[in-house]
Amino acid sequence: PAPGAPQPAPPAPSVPAVLPASGDCPSVSSACVAPATGDWEIEEPCSLQSGEYNVDRITISGGAVVVVQQGAKVSLEVAGGVFIGDKSELWIGCESAPFTGTMTTTFVGT
């Protein structure tokens, strides 16, 4: 195309024809450990337990599965966003076990 000419829209992201079964709740035993400050990089499966978490950015990657613990009271404050990478997951309850806790997530500007 000529410089300055309108560009075609990028293709829409592909969506799988069949979504994974939501009734299958993942099981994770080790607790997630947040850094004292800065970015939170999660690359291993873990369980987000009750507490207050204040971080710059959360990245879940490397196929990690993060599960918010049933009955947990979680307060999450994030300044730089949340990124869930390819083949990684964040679960807050599931079809066969709806979440029984509370989770408040606040995104703050810098």
PDB file of N, CA and C in Angstrom:
ATOM      1  N   PRO A   1       0.835  -1.207   0.000  1.00  0.00           N
ATOM      2  CA  PRO A   1       0.000   0.000   0.000  1.00  0.00           C
ATOM      3  C   PRO A   1       0.867   1.253   0.000  1.00  0.00           C
ATOM      4  N   ALA A   2       0.320   2.289  -0.521  1.00  0.00           N
ATOM      5  CA  ALA A   2       1.024   3.568  -0.593  1.00  0.00           C
ATOM      6  C   ALA A   2       1.198   4.144   0.802  1.00  0.00           C
ATOM      7  N   PRO A   3       2.296   4.885   1.018  1.00  0.00           N
ATOM      8  CA  PRO A   3       2.479   5.517   2.339  1.00  0.00           C
ATOM      9  C   PRO A   3       1.291   6.408   2.669  1.00  0.00           C
ATOM     10  N   GLY A   4       0.815   6.311   3.875  1.00  0.00           N
ATOM     11  CA  GLY A   4      -0.301   7.134   4.334  1.00  0.00           C
ATOM     12  C   GLY A   4      -1.655   6.531   4.007  1.00  0.00           C
ATOM     13  N   ALA A   5      -1.687   5.485   3.173  1.00  0.00           N
ATOM     14  CA  ALA A   5      -2.963   4.852   2.825  1.00  0.00           C
ATOM     15  C   ALA A   5      -3.464   4.058   4.021  1.00  0.00           C
ATOM     16  N   PRO A   6      -4.776   3.941   4.150  1.00  0.00           N
ATOM     17  CA  PRO A   6      -5.321   3.154   5.261  1.00  0.00           C
ATOM     18  C   PRO A   6      -4.837   1.708   5.185  1.00  0.00           C
ATOM     19  N   GLN A   7      -4.535   1.147   6.344  1.00  0.00           N
ATOM     20  CA  GLN A   7      -4.062  -0.223   6.435  1.00  0.00           C
ATOM     21  C   GLN A   7      -5.236  -1.130   6.791  1.00  0.00           C
ATOM     22  N   PRO A   8      -5.247  -2.347   6.261  1.00  0.00           N
ATOM     23  CA  PRO A   8      -6.331  -3.269   6.637  1.00  0.00           C
ATOM     24  C   PRO A   8      -6.230  -3.620   8.116  1.00  0.00           C
ATOM     25  N   ALA A   9      -7.374  -3.932   8.703  1.00  0.00           N
ATOM     26  CA  ALA A   9      -7.414  -4.318  10.113  1.00  0.00           C
ATOM     27  C   ALA A   9      -6.689  -5.643  10.291  1.00  0.00           C
ATOM     28  N   PRO A  10      -6.016  -5.823  11.423  1.00  0.00           N
ATOM     29  CA  PRO A  10      -5.357  -7.106  11.666  1.00  0.00           C
ATOM     30  C   PRO A  10      -6.407  -8.204  11.792  1.00  0.00           C
ATOM     31  N   PRO A  11      -6.042  -9.448  11.502  1.00  0.00           N
ATOM     32  CA  PRO A  11      -7.029 -10.535  11.621  1.00  0.00           C
ATOM     33  C   PRO A  11      -7.450 -10.723  13.069  1.00  0.00           C
ATOM     34  N   ALA A  12      -8.677 -11.157  13.238  1.00  0.00           N
ATOM     35  CA  ALA A  12      -9.194 -11.416  14.586  1.00  0.00           C
ATOM     36  C   ALA A  12      -8.457 -12.606  15.177  1.00  0.00           C
ATOM     37  N   PRO A  13      -8.214 -12.597  16.494  1.00  0.00           N
ATOM     38  CA  PRO A  13      -7.542 -13.744  17.105  1.00  0.00           C
ATOM     39  C   PRO A  13      -8.384 -14.999  16.933  1.00  0.00           C
ATOM     40  N   SER A  14      -7.723 -16.125  16.766  1.00  0.00           N
ATOM     41  CA  SER A  14      -8.468 -17.366  16.599  1.00  0.00           C
ATOM     42  C   SER A  14      -8.971 -17.839  17.959  1.00  0.00           C
ATOM     43  N   VAL A  15     -10.150 -18.419  17.942  1.00  0.00           N
ATOM     44  CA  VAL A  15     -10.761 -18.942  19.156  1.00  0.00           C
ATOM     45  C   VAL A  15     -10.925 -20.442  18.954  1.00  0.00           C
ATOM     46  N   PRO A  16     -10.528 -21.250  19.919  1.00  0.00           N
ATOM     47  CA  PRO A  16     -10.683 -22.689  19.732  1.00  0.00           C
ATOM     48  C   PRO A  16     -12.143 -23.049  19.529  1.00  0.00           C
ATOM     49  N   ALA A  17     -12.391 -24.040  18.691  1.00  0.00           N
ATOM     50  CA  ALA A  17     -13.762 -24.468  18.414  1.00  0.00           C
ATOM     51  C   ALA A  17     -14.412 -25.058  19.657  1.00  0.00           C
ATOM     52  N   VAL A  18     -13.633 -25.729  20.471  1.00  0.00           N
ATOM     53  CA  VAL A  18     -14.164 -26.338  21.689  1.00  0.00           C
ATOM     54  C   VAL A  18     -13.343 -25.831  22.866  1.00  0.00           C
ATOM     55  N   LEU A  19     -14.005 -25.179  23.808  1.00  0.00           N
ATOM     56  CA  LEU A  19     -13.321 -24.673  24.993  1.00  0.00           C
ATOM     57  C   LEU A  19     -13.085 -25.812  25.981  1.00  0.00           C
ATOM     58  N   PRO A  20     -12.047 -25.714  26.820  1.00  0.00           N
ATOM     59  CA  PRO A  20     -11.806 -26.762  27.816  1.00  0.00           C
ATOM     60  C   PRO A  20     -12.991 -26.878  28.763  1.00  0.00           C
ATOM     61  N   ALA A  21     -13.187 -28.058  29.293  1.00  0.00           N
ATOM     62  CA  ALA A  21     -14.290 -28.287  30.226  1.00  0.00           C
ATOM     63  C   ALA A  21     -14.082 -27.464  31.486  1.00  0.00           C
ATOM     64  N   SER A  22     -15.036 -26.581  31.804  1.00  0.00           N
ATOM     65  CA  SER A  22     -14.881 -25.715  32.967  1.00  0.00           C
ATOM     66  C   SER A  22     -15.180 -26.454  34.262  1.00  0.00           C
ATOM     67  N   GLY A  23     -15.770 -27.646  34.172  1.00  0.00           N
ATOM     68  CA  GLY A  23     -16.079 -28.389  35.378  1.00  0.00           C
ATOM     69  C   GLY A  23     -14.866 -29.049  36.007  1.00  0.00           C
ATOM     70  N   ASP A  24     -13.784 -29.110  35.270  1.00  0.00           N
ATOM     71  CA  ASP A  24     -12.570 -29.736  35.777  1.00  0.00           C
ATOM     72  C   ASP A  24     -11.744 -28.708  36.541  1.00  0.00           C
ATOM     73  N   CYS A  25     -11.776 -28.782  37.865  1.00  0.00           N
ATOM     74  CA  CYS A  25     -11.037 -27.835  38.687  1.00  0.00           C
ATOM     75  C   CYS A  25      -9.584 -28.284  38.822  1.00  0.00           C
ATOM     76  N   PRO A  26      -8.634 -27.408  38.529  1.00  0.00           N
ATOM     77  CA  PRO A  26      -7.236 -27.797  38.726  1.00  0.00           C
ATOM     78  C   PRO A  26      -6.902 -27.873  40.212  1.00  0.00           C
ATOM     79  N   SER A  27      -5.957 -28.706  40.540  1.00  0.00           N
ATOM     80  CA  SER A  27      -5.516 -28.858  41.919  1.00  0.00           C
ATOM     81  C   SER A  27      -4.067 -28.397  42.032  1.00  0.00           C
ATOM     82  N   VAL A  28      -3.824 -27.447  42.916  1.00  0.00           N
ATOM     83  CA  VAL A  28      -2.475 -26.914  43.114  1.00  0.00           C
ATOM     84  C   VAL A  28      -2.211 -26.897  44.612  1.00  0.00           C
ATOM     85  N   SER A  29      -1.037 -27.386  45.021  1.00  0.00           N
ATOM     86  CA  SER A  29      -0.779 -27.481  46.459  1.00  0.00           C
ATOM     87  C   SER A  29       0.129 -26.393  47.016  1.00  0.00           C
ATOM     88  N   SER A  30       1.100 -25.906  46.248  1.00  0.00           N
ATOM     89  CA  SER A  30       2.029 -24.925  46.816  1.00  0.00           C
ATOM     90  C   SER A  30       1.467 -23.508  46.736  1.00  0.00           C
ATOM     91  N   ALA A  31       1.776 -22.706  47.730  1.00  0.00           N
ATOM     92  CA  ALA A  31       1.286 -21.329  47.808  1.00  0.00           C
ATOM     93  C   ALA A  31       2.093 -20.418  46.878  1.00  0.00           C
ATOM     94  N   CYS A  32       1.414 -19.463  46.263  1.00  0.00           N
ATOM     95  CA  CYS A  32       2.098 -18.432  45.476  1.00  0.00           C
ATOM     96  C   CYS A  32       2.839 -17.513  46.446  1.00  0.00           C
ATOM     97  N   VAL A  33       4.039 -17.104  46.084  1.00  0.00           N
ATOM     98  CA  VAL A  33       4.830 -16.214  46.935  1.00  0.00           C
ATOM     99  C   VAL A  33       5.075 -14.920  46.168  1.00  0.00           C
ATOM    100  N   ALA A  34       4.471 -13.841  46.654  1.00  0.00           N
ATOM    101  CA  ALA A  34       4.599 -12.538  45.996  1.00  0.00           C
ATOM    102  C   ALA A  34       5.897 -11.854  46.410  1.00  0.00           C
ATOM    103  N   PRO A  35       6.472 -11.067  45.504  1.00  0.00           N
ATOM    104  CA  PRO A  35       7.663 -10.296  45.883  1.00  0.00           C
ATOM    105  C   PRO A  35       7.263  -9.143  46.811  1.00  0.00           C
ATOM    106  N   ALA A  36       8.212  -8.632  47.567  1.00  0.00           N
ATOM    107  CA  ALA A  36       7.931  -7.498  48.456  1.00  0.00           C
ATOM    108  C   ALA A  36       7.559  -6.258  47.641  1.00  0.00           C
ATOM    109  N   THR A  37       8.196  -6.073  46.488  1.00  0.00           N
ATOM    110  CA  THR A  37       7.899  -4.945  45.600  1.00  0.00           C
ATOM    111  C   THR A  37       8.147  -5.374  44.161  1.00  0.00           C
ATOM    112  N   GLY A  38       7.682  -4.566  43.229  1.00  0.00           N
ATOM    113  CA  GLY A  38       7.989  -4.792  41.821  1.00  0.00           C
ATOM    114  C   GLY A  38       7.037  -5.736  41.124  1.00  0.00           C
ATOM    115  N   ASP A  39       7.546  -6.334  40.033  1.00  0.00           N
ATOM    116  CA  ASP A  39       6.741  -7.235  39.213  1.00  0.00           C
ATOM    117  C   ASP A  39       6.670  -8.615  39.851  1.00  0.00           C
ATOM    118  N   TRP A  40       5.528  -9.273  39.631  1.00  0.00           N
ATOM    119  CA  TRP A  40       5.325 -10.622  40.147  1.00  0.00           C
ATOM    120  C   TRP A  40       5.311 -11.559  38.958  1.00  0.00           C
ATOM    121  N   GLU A  41       6.360 -12.353  38.823  1.00  0.00           N
ATOM    122  CA  GLU A  41       6.499 -13.314  37.730  1.00  0.00           C
ATOM    123  C   GLU A  41       6.146 -14.695  38.278  1.00  0.00           C
ATOM    124  N   ILE A  42       5.072 -15.279  37.780  1.00  0.00           N
ATOM    125  CA  ILE A  42       4.656 -16.607  38.233  1.00  0.00           C
ATOM    126  C   ILE A  42       4.878 -17.575  37.074  1.00  0.00           C
ATOM    127  N   GLU A  43       5.779 -18.535  37.280  1.00  0.00           N
ATOM    128  CA  GLU A  43       6.123 -19.483  36.220  1.00  0.00           C
ATOM    129  C   GLU A  43       5.909 -20.935  36.638  1.00  0.00           C
ATOM    130  N   GLU A  44       5.420 -21.144  37.857  1.00  0.00           N
ATOM    131  CA  GLU A  44       5.154 -22.489  38.368  1.00  0.00           C
ATOM    132  C   GLU A  44       3.733 -22.503  38.928  1.00  0.00           C
ATOM    133  N   PRO A  45       3.050 -23.660  38.881  1.00  0.00           N
ATOM    134  CA  PRO A  45       1.698 -23.744  39.454  1.00  0.00           C
ATOM    135  C   PRO A  45       1.713 -23.348  40.926  1.00  0.00           C
ATOM    136  N   CYS A  46       0.687 -22.594  41.342  1.00  0.00           N
ATOM    137  CA  CYS A  46       0.598 -22.221  42.752  1.00  0.00           C
ATOM    138  C   CYS A  46      -0.819 -21.795  43.091  1.00  0.00           C
ATOM    139  N   SER A  47      -1.076 -21.688  44.382  1.00  0.00           N
ATOM    140  CA  SER A  47      -2.373 -21.314  44.915  1.00  0.00           C
ATOM    141  C   SER A  47      -2.278 -19.919  45.551  1.00  0.00           C
ATOM    142  N   LEU A  48      -3.126 -19.012  45.097  1.00  0.00           N
ATOM    143  CA  LEU A  48      -3.174 -17.659  45.663  1.00  0.00           C
ATOM    144  C   LEU A  48      -4.034 -17.730  46.923  1.00  0.00           C
ATOM    145  N   GLN A  49      -3.411 -17.465  48.078  1.00  0.00           N
ATOM    146  CA  GLN A  49      -4.087 -17.623  49.360  1.00  0.00           C
ATOM    147  C   GLN A  49      -4.489 -16.278  49.941  1.00  0.00           C
ATOM    148  N   SER A  50      -5.225 -16.306  51.037  1.00  0.00           N
ATOM    149  CA  SER A  50      -5.698 -15.068  51.669  1.00  0.00           C
ATOM    150  C   SER A  50      -4.551 -14.111  51.937  1.00  0.00           C
ATOM    151  N   GLY A  51      -4.801 -12.824  51.698  1.00  0.00           N
ATOM    152  CA  GLY A  51      -3.801 -11.816  51.974  1.00  0.00           C
ATOM    153  C   GLY A  51      -3.976 -10.594  51.108  1.00  0.00           C
ATOM    154  N   GLU A  52      -3.124  -9.600  51.361  1.00  0.00           N
ATOM    155  CA  GLU A  52      -3.095  -8.377  50.574  1.00  0.00           C
ATOM    156  C   GLU A  52      -1.832  -8.385  49.737  1.00  0.00           C
ATOM    157  N   TYR A  53      -1.996  -8.164  48.451  1.00  0.00           N
ATOM    158  CA  TYR A  53      -0.883  -8.196  47.518  1.00  0.00           C
ATOM    159  C   TYR A  53      -0.836  -6.867  46.774  1.00  0.00           C
ATOM    160  N   ASN A  54       0.297  -6.168  46.830  1.00  0.00           N
ATOM    161  CA  ASN A  54       0.489  -4.907  46.129  1.00  0.00           C
ATOM    162  C   ASN A  54       1.710  -5.059  45.237  1.00  0.00           C
ATOM    163  N   VAL A  55       1.492  -5.120  43.930  1.00  0.00           N
ATOM    164  CA  VAL A  55       2.583  -5.353  42.988  1.00  0.00           C
ATOM    165  C   VAL A  55       2.453  -4.406  41.800  1.00  0.00           C
ATOM    166  N   ASP A  56       3.539  -4.300  41.045  1.00  0.00           N
ATOM    167  CA  ASP A  56       3.494  -3.468  39.843  1.00  0.00           C
ATOM    168  C   ASP A  56       2.731  -4.176  38.729  1.00  0.00           C
ATOM    169  N   ARG A  57       3.175  -5.383  38.396  1.00  0.00           N
ATOM    170  CA  ARG A  57       2.561  -6.130  37.297  1.00  0.00           C
ATOM    171  C   ARG A  57       2.597  -7.605  37.663  1.00  0.00           C
ATOM    172  N   ILE A  58       1.589  -8.354  37.194  1.00  0.00           N
ATOM    173  CA  ILE A  58       1.561  -9.801  37.390  1.00  0.00           C
ATOM    174  C   ILE A  58       1.676 -10.458  36.023  1.00  0.00           C
ATOM    175  N   THR A  59       2.627 -11.380  35.894  1.00  0.00           N
ATOM    176  CA  THR A  59       2.767 -12.156  34.671  1.00  0.00           C
ATOM    177  C   THR A  59       2.704 -13.630  35.045  1.00  0.00           C
ATOM    178  N   ILE A  60       1.737 -14.334  34.462  1.00  0.00           N
ATOM    179  CA  ILE A  60       1.623 -15.776  34.643  1.00  0.00           C
ATOM    180  C   ILE A  60       2.052 -16.390  33.313  1.00  0.00           C
ATOM    181  N   SER A  61       3.117 -17.191  33.331  1.00  0.00           N
ATOM    182  CA  SER A  61       3.662 -17.706  32.072  1.00  0.00           C
ATOM    183  C   SER A  61       4.242 -19.102  32.251  1.00  0.00           C
ATOM    184  N   GLY A  62       4.768 -19.638  31.159  1.00  0.00           N
ATOM    185  CA  GLY A  62       5.426 -20.940  31.213  1.00  0.00           C
ATOM    186  C   GLY A  62       4.478 -22.096  31.460  1.00  0.00           C
ATOM    187  N   GLY A  63       3.179 -21.898  31.163  1.00  0.00           N
ATOM    188  CA  GLY A  63       2.210 -22.960  31.402  1.00  0.00           C
ATOM    189  C   GLY A  63       1.763 -23.069  32.845  1.00  0.00           C
ATOM    190  N   ALA A  64       2.084 -22.063  33.655  1.00  0.00           N
ATOM    191  CA  ALA A  64       1.703 -22.090  35.077  1.00  0.00           C
ATOM    192  C   ALA A  64       0.182 -22.007  35.225  1.00  0.00           C
ATOM    193  N   VAL A  65      -0.325 -22.721  36.209  1.00  0.00           N
ATOM    194  CA  VAL A  65      -1.738 -22.660  36.571  1.00  0.00           C
ATOM    195  C   VAL A  65      -1.806 -22.046  37.967  1.00  0.00           C
ATOM    196  N   VAL A  66      -2.505 -20.914  38.070  1.00  0.00           N
ATOM    197  CA  VAL A  66      -2.681 -20.235  39.352  1.00  0.00           C
ATOM    198  C   VAL A  66      -4.140 -20.384  39.748  1.00  0.00           C
ATOM    199  N   VAL A  67      -4.359 -20.885  40.955  1.00  0.00           N
ATOM    200  CA  VAL A  67      -5.702 -21.116  41.467  1.00  0.00           C
ATOM    201  C   VAL A  67      -5.894 -20.256  42.707  1.00  0.00           C
ATOM    202  N   VAL A  68      -6.975 -19.487  42.755  1.00  0.00           N
ATOM    203  CA  VAL A  68      -7.283 -18.742  43.975  1.00  0.00           C
ATOM    204  C   VAL A  68      -7.923 -19.736  44.938  1.00  0.00           C
ATOM    205  N   GLN A  69      -7.327 -19.877  46.111  1.00  0.00           N
ATOM    206  CA  GLN A  69      -7.758 -20.867  47.096  1.00  0.00           C
ATOM    207  C   GLN A  69      -9.224 -20.660  47.484  1.00  0.00           C
ATOM    208  N   GLN A  70      -9.958 -21.758  47.562  1.00  0.00           N
ATOM    209  CA  GLN A  70     -11.359 -21.691  47.989  1.00  0.00           C
ATOM    210  C   GLN A  70     -11.432 -21.071  49.386  1.00  0.00           C
ATOM    211  N   GLY A  71     -12.367 -20.157  49.587  1.00  0.00           N
ATOM    212  CA  GLY A  71     -12.564 -19.507  50.876  1.00  0.00           C
ATOM    213  C   GLY A  71     -11.589 -18.385  51.173  1.00  0.00           C
ATOM    214  N   ALA A  72     -10.649 -18.131  50.269  1.00  0.00           N
ATOM    215  CA  ALA A  72      -9.644 -17.089  50.511  1.00  0.00           C
ATOM    216  C   ALA A  72     -10.262 -15.697  50.446  1.00  0.00           C
ATOM    217  N   LYS A  73      -9.664 -14.785  51.207  1.00  0.00           N
ATOM    218  CA  LYS A  73     -10.014 -13.363  51.142  1.00  0.00           C
ATOM    219  C   LYS A  73      -8.791 -12.656  50.587  1.00  0.00           C
ATOM    220  N   VAL A  74      -8.867 -12.296  49.305  1.00  0.00           N
ATOM    221  CA  VAL A  74      -7.719 -11.760  48.585  1.00  0.00           C
ATOM    222  C   VAL A  74      -7.969 -10.307  48.213  1.00  0.00           C
ATOM    223  N   SER A  75      -6.997  -9.458  48.513  1.00  0.00           N
ATOM    224  CA  SER A  75      -7.015  -8.064  48.077  1.00  0.00           C
ATOM    225  C   SER A  75      -5.780  -7.873  47.205  1.00  0.00           C
ATOM    226  N   LEU A  76      -6.017  -7.551  45.949  1.00  0.00           N
ATOM    227  CA  LEU A  76      -4.937  -7.456  44.978  1.00  0.00           C
ATOM    228  C   LEU A  76      -4.921  -6.047  44.388  1.00  0.00           C
ATOM    229  N   GLU A  77      -3.769  -5.360  44.528  1.00  0.00           N
ATOM    230  CA  GLU A  77      -3.602  -4.028  43.940  1.00  0.00           C
ATOM    231  C   GLU A  77      -2.463  -4.103  42.925  1.00  0.00           C
ATOM    232  N   VAL A  78      -2.790  -3.751  41.677  1.00  0.00           N
ATOM    233  CA  VAL A  78      -1.840  -3.888  40.579  1.00  0.00           C
ATOM    234  C   VAL A  78      -1.699  -2.554  39.865  1.00  0.00           C
ATOM    235  N   ALA A  79      -0.457  -2.113  39.668  1.00  0.00           N
ATOM    236  CA  ALA A  79      -0.214  -0.834  38.990  1.00  0.00           C
ATOM    237  C   ALA A  79       0.017  -1.002  37.494  1.00  0.00           C
ATOM    238  N   GLY A  80       0.578  -2.128  37.058  1.00  0.00           N
ATOM    239  CA  GLY A  80       0.977  -2.258  35.664  1.00  0.00           C
ATOM    240  C   GLY A  80       0.229  -3.290  34.853  1.00  0.00           C
ATOM    241  N   GLY A  81      -0.807  -3.889  35.383  1.00  0.00           N
ATOM    242  CA  GLY A  81      -1.592  -4.836  34.621  1.00  0.00           C
ATOM    243  C   GLY A  81      -1.312  -6.287  34.962  1.00  0.00           C
ATOM    244  N   VAL A  82      -2.123  -7.143  34.345  1.00  0.00           N
ATOM    245  CA  VAL A  82      -2.030  -8.587  34.523  1.00  0.00           C
ATOM    246  C   VAL A  82      -1.896  -9.211  33.143  1.00  0.00           C
ATOM    247  N   PHE A  83      -0.899 -10.067  32.963  1.00  0.00           N
ATOM    248  CA  PHE A  83      -0.692 -10.753  31.697  1.00  0.00           C
ATOM    249  C   PHE A  83      -0.701 -12.254  31.957  1.00  0.00           C
ATOM    250  N   ILE A  84      -1.556 -12.975  31.230  1.00  0.00           N
ATOM    251  CA  ILE A  84      -1.610 -14.428  31.327  1.00  0.00           C
ATOM    252  C   ILE A  84      -1.137 -14.966  29.989  1.00  0.00           C
ATOM    253  N   GLY A  85       0.033 -15.585  29.996  1.00  0.00           N
ATOM    254  CA  GLY A  85       0.678 -16.054  28.783  1.00  0.00           C
ATOM    255  C   GLY A  85       0.032 -17.297  28.204  1.00  0.00           C
ATOM    256  N   ASP A  86       0.510 -17.661  27.023  1.00  0.00           N
ATOM    257  CA  ASP A  86       0.036 -18.819  26.288  1.00  0.00           C
ATOM    258  C   ASP A  86       0.140 -20.087  27.144  1.00  0.00           C
ATOM    259  N   LYS A  87      -0.926 -20.838  27.193  1.00  0.00           N
ATOM    260  CA  LYS A  87      -1.014 -22.111  27.918  1.00  0.00           C
ATOM    261  C   LYS A  87      -0.904 -21.957  29.428  1.00  0.00           C
ATOM    262  N   SER A  88      -1.011 -20.744  29.944  1.00  0.00           N
ATOM    263  CA  SER A  88      -1.042 -20.491  31.380  1.00  0.00           C
ATOM    264  C   SER A  88      -2.487 -20.176  31.754  1.00  0.00           C
ATOM    265  N   GLU A  89      -2.826 -20.326  33.021  1.00  0.00           N
ATOM    266  CA  GLU A  89      -4.221 -20.163  33.437  1.00  0.00           C
ATOM    267  C   GLU A  89      -4.320 -19.497  34.804  1.00  0.00           C
ATOM    268  N   LEU A  90      -5.438 -18.776  35.000  1.00  0.00           N
ATOM    269  CA  LEU A  90      -5.802 -18.219  36.300  1.00  0.00           C
ATOM    270  C   LEU A  90      -7.219 -18.697  36.589  1.00  0.00           C
ATOM    271  N   TRP A  91      -7.384 -19.445  37.663  1.00  0.00           N
ATOM    272  CA  TRP A  91      -8.684 -19.997  38.032  1.00  0.00           C
ATOM    273  C   TRP A  91      -9.179 -19.348  39.311  1.00  0.00           C
ATOM    274  N   ILE A  92     -10.422 -18.876  39.271  1.00  0.00           N
ATOM    275  CA  ILE A  92     -11.106 -18.335  40.452  1.00  0.00           C
ATOM    276  C   ILE A  92     -12.408 -19.117  40.545  1.00  0.00           C
ATOM    277  N   GLY A  93     -12.341 -20.272  41.185  1.00  0.00           N
ATOM    278  CA  GLY A  93     -13.470 -21.187  41.200  1.00  0.00           C
ATOM    279  C   GLY A  93     -13.618 -21.855  39.837  1.00  0.00           C
ATOM    280  N   CYS A  94     -14.590 -22.760  39.741  1.00  0.00           N
ATOM    281  CA  CYS A  94     -14.905 -23.412  38.470  1.00  0.00           C
ATOM    282  C   CYS A  94     -16.345 -23.909  38.540  1.00  0.00           C
ATOM    283  N   GLU A  95     -16.815 -24.458  37.455  1.00  0.00           N
ATOM    284  CA  GLU A  95     -18.225 -24.854  37.372  1.00  0.00           C
ATOM    285  C   GLU A  95     -18.624 -25.832  38.471  1.00  0.00           C
ATOM    286  N   SER A  96     -17.785 -26.819  38.733  1.00  0.00           N
ATOM    287  CA  SER A  96     -18.143 -27.816  39.741  1.00  0.00           C
ATOM    288  C   SER A  96     -17.865 -27.348  41.175  1.00  0.00           C
ATOM    289  N   ALA A  97     -17.129 -26.245  41.335  1.00  0.00           N
ATOM    290  CA  ALA A  97     -16.818 -25.707  42.667  1.00  0.00           C
ATOM    291  C   ALA A  97     -16.724 -24.186  42.577  1.00  0.00           C
ATOM    292  N   PRO A  98     -17.882 -23.481  42.542  1.00  0.00           N
ATOM    293  CA  PRO A  98     -17.847 -22.008  42.465  1.00  0.00           C
ATOM    294  C   PRO A  98     -17.037 -21.415  43.613  1.00  0.00           C
ATOM    295  N   PHE A  99     -16.383 -20.301  43.345  1.00  0.00           N
ATOM    296  CA  PHE A  99     -15.522 -19.650  44.331  1.00  0.00           C
ATOM    297  C   PHE A  99     -16.308 -19.255  45.561  1.00  0.00           C
ATOM    298  N   THR A 100     -15.762 -19.586  46.734  1.00  0.00           N
ATOM    299  CA  THR A 100     -16.454 -19.331  47.997  1.00  0.00           C
ATOM    300  C   THR A 100     -15.836 -18.199  48.810  1.00  0.00           C
ATOM    301  N   GLY A 101     -14.786 -17.583  48.309  1.00  0.00           N
ATOM    302  CA  GLY A 101     -14.126 -16.506  49.051  1.00  0.00           C
ATOM    303  C   GLY A 101     -14.500 -15.146  48.497  1.00  0.00           C
ATOM    304  N   THR A 102     -13.635 -14.169  48.749  1.00  0.00           N
ATOM    305  CA  THR A 102     -13.796 -12.833  48.179  1.00  0.00           C
ATOM    306  C   THR A 102     -12.469 -12.429  47.557  1.00  0.00           C
ATOM    307  N   MET A 103     -12.562 -11.758  46.415  1.00  0.00           N
ATOM    308  CA  MET A 103     -11.355 -11.282  45.759  1.00  0.00           C
ATOM    309  C   MET A 103     -11.643  -9.904  45.209  1.00  0.00           C
ATOM    310  N   THR A 104     -10.891  -8.925  45.702  1.00  0.00           N
ATOM    311  CA  THR A 104     -11.008  -7.559  45.231  1.00  0.00           C
ATOM    312  C   THR A 104      -9.729  -7.220  44.494  1.00  0.00           C
ATOM    313  N   THR A 105      -9.865  -6.835  43.222  1.00  0.00           N
ATOM    314  CA  THR A 105      -8.705  -6.472  42.423  1.00  0.00           C
ATOM    315  C   THR A 105      -8.828  -5.015  42.027  1.00  0.00           C
ATOM    316  N   THR A 106      -7.812  -4.218  42.347  1.00  0.00           N
ATOM    317  CA  THR A 106      -7.812  -2.802  42.033  1.00  0.00           C
ATOM    318  C   THR A 106      -6.628  -2.509  41.126  1.00  0.00           C
ATOM    319  N   PHE A 107      -6.917  -1.853  40.004  1.00  0.00           N
ATOM    320  CA  PHE A 107      -5.852  -1.427  39.099  1.00  0.00           C
ATOM    321  C   PHE A 107      -5.638   0.050  39.339  1.00  0.00           C
ATOM    322  N   VAL A 108      -4.398   0.428  39.681  1.00  0.00           N
ATOM    323  CA  VAL A 108      -4.097   1.816  40.010  1.00  0.00           C
ATOM    324  C   VAL A 108      -3.158   2.404  38.961  1.00  0.00           C
ATOM    325  N   GLY A 109      -3.351   3.662  38.646  1.00  0.00           N
ATOM    326  CA  GLY A 109      -2.466   4.346  37.719  1.00  0.00           C
ATOM    327  C   GLY A 109      -1.207   4.811  38.418  1.00  0.00           C
ATOM    328  N   THR A 110      -0.200   5.098  37.622  1.00  0.00           N
ATOM    329  CA  THR A 110       1.046   5.570  38.220  1.00  0.00           C
ATOM    330  C   THR A 110       1.281   7.013  37.848  1.00  0.00           C
TER     331      THR A 110
END
